[in-house]
Amino acid sequence: MLIVHVDCRVKPECVEAFRAASCENARNSVREPGIARFDVVQDLADPAHFVLVEVYRGADDPARHKETEHYAVWRDAVADMMAQPRTSVKYANCFPDDGGW
């Protein structure tokens, strides 16, 4: 399992549009065989701050995800909404074991 947290800071006037686009991307992403979870979470203290929690089954699955049409639609839709470039951190799974996902 590969877990990626994508940190997104969006322009305040784009919060709702970013949320809608990201949730639509997530709905499509969880249908991919290589994705175990795809969560969109919003900071309660700073509504313009989101984290995408992406859980991939294998090391090659993030690249496959980026080849999908729904990812390209999301990427292009949110490009001008960003207050700063998004960043990501990759994690290894510890618990639950991979079968628990």
Protein backbone atom coordinates (compact mmCIF):
# COMPACT_ATOMS: atom_id res chain seq x y z
CA MET A 1 0.00 0.00 0.00
CA LEU A 2 1.08 3.54 -0.73
CA ILE A 3 -0.64 6.41 1.03
CA VAL A 4 -0.31 9.93 -0.34
CA HIS A 5 -1.47 13.09 1.40
CA VAL A 6 -1.87 15.94 -1.08
CA ASP A 7 -1.93 19.33 0.63
CA CYS A 8 -4.02 21.92 -1.24
CA ARG A 9 -4.44 25.58 -0.38
CA VAL A 10 -7.03 27.26 -2.56
CA LYS A 11 -8.11 30.83 -3.10
CA PRO A 12 -10.90 31.74 -0.64
CA GLU A 13 -13.34 32.53 -3.45
CA CYS A 14 -12.74 29.06 -4.93
CA VAL A 15 -13.45 26.91 -1.85
CA GLU A 16 -16.84 25.58 -2.95
CA ALA A 17 -15.78 24.99 -6.56
CA PHE A 18 -12.62 23.18 -5.44
CA ARG A 19 -14.58 21.06 -3.00
CA ALA A 20 -17.11 20.07 -5.68
CA ALA A 21 -14.44 19.26 -8.29
CA SER A 22 -12.37 17.28 -5.78
CA CYS A 23 -15.33 15.27 -4.51
CA GLU A 24 -16.29 14.41 -8.10
CA ASN A 25 -12.72 13.30 -8.79
CA ALA A 26 -12.76 11.19 -5.61
CA ARG A 27 -16.08 9.53 -6.58
CA ASN A 28 -14.53 8.43 -9.85
CA SER A 29 -11.15 7.57 -8.36
CA VAL A 30 -12.50 5.00 -5.90
CA ARG A 31 -13.79 3.04 -8.90
CA GLU A 32 -10.21 2.46 -10.08
CA PRO A 33 -8.97 -1.05 -9.18
CA GLY A 34 -5.68 0.34 -7.85
CA ILE A 35 -7.26 2.74 -5.37
CA ALA A 36 -8.36 1.49 -1.94
CA ARG A 37 -9.51 4.91 -0.63
CA PHE A 38 -9.66 8.46 -1.85
CA ASP A 39 -10.72 10.95 0.82
CA VAL A 40 -11.20 14.70 0.53
CA VAL A 41 -10.91 16.45 3.89
CA GLN A 42 -11.30 20.15 4.68
CA ASP A 43 -9.60 22.02 7.52
CA LEU A 44 -12.21 23.30 9.99
CA ALA A 45 -10.00 26.20 11.10
CA ASP A 46 -9.06 27.18 7.54
CA PRO A 47 -11.74 26.20 4.98
CA ALA A 48 -9.41 27.03 2.08
CA HIS A 49 -7.08 24.22 3.18
CA PHE A 50 -7.81 20.70 1.93
CA VAL A 51 -5.97 17.40 2.12
CA LEU A 52 -6.56 14.61 -0.35
CA VAL A 53 -5.84 11.24 1.26
CA GLU A 54 -5.12 8.77 -1.51
CA VAL A 55 -4.53 5.09 -0.69
CA TYR A 56 -3.07 3.08 -3.56
CA ARG A 57 -2.78 -0.70 -3.69
CA GLY A 58 0.58 -0.67 -5.48
CA ALA A 59 3.48 1.57 -6.41
CA ASP A 60 2.38 1.89 -10.06
CA ASP A 61 -1.20 2.89 -9.27
CA PRO A 62 -0.59 6.64 -8.76
CA ALA A 63 0.78 6.87 -12.31
CA ARG A 64 -2.23 4.95 -13.64
CA HIS A 65 -4.54 7.31 -11.73
CA LYS A 66 -2.91 10.30 -13.40
CA GLU A 67 -3.68 8.79 -16.82
CA THR A 68 -7.46 8.78 -16.23
CA GLU A 69 -9.85 11.23 -17.81
CA HIS A 70 -11.39 12.22 -14.47
CA TYR A 71 -7.95 13.14 -13.06
CA ALA A 72 -7.21 15.31 -16.12
CA VAL A 73 -10.59 17.04 -15.76
CA TRP A 74 -9.91 17.71 -12.06
CA ARG A 75 -6.31 18.88 -12.65
CA ASP A 76 -7.38 21.35 -15.31
CA ALA A 77 -10.45 22.54 -13.39
CA VAL A 78 -8.55 23.34 -10.19
CA ALA A 79 -5.35 24.74 -11.70
CA ASP A 80 -6.42 28.38 -11.38
CA MET A 81 -8.06 27.80 -7.98
CA MET A 82 -4.80 27.17 -6.17
CA ALA A 83 -3.48 29.84 -3.82
CA GLN A 84 -0.13 28.04 -3.91
CA PRO A 85 1.20 24.90 -5.60
CA ARG A 86 -0.04 21.68 -4.05
CA THR A 87 2.43 19.44 -2.27
CA SER A 88 2.38 15.77 -1.35
CA VAL A 89 3.90 13.41 1.18
CA LYS A 90 4.08 9.64 0.66
CA TYR A 91 3.54 7.20 3.54
CA ALA A 92 3.85 3.47 4.11
CA ASN A 93 0.92 1.63 5.64
CA CYS A 94 1.33 0.38 9.24
CA PHE A 95 -2.21 -0.36 10.46
CA PRO A 96 -4.59 -1.80 9.54
CA ASP A 97 -2.70 -4.37 7.50
CA ASP A 98 -3.18 -4.14 3.74
CA GLY A 99 -6.12 -6.56 3.86
CA GLY A 100 -7.98 -4.11 6.11
CA TRP A 101 -8.26 -1.57 3.33
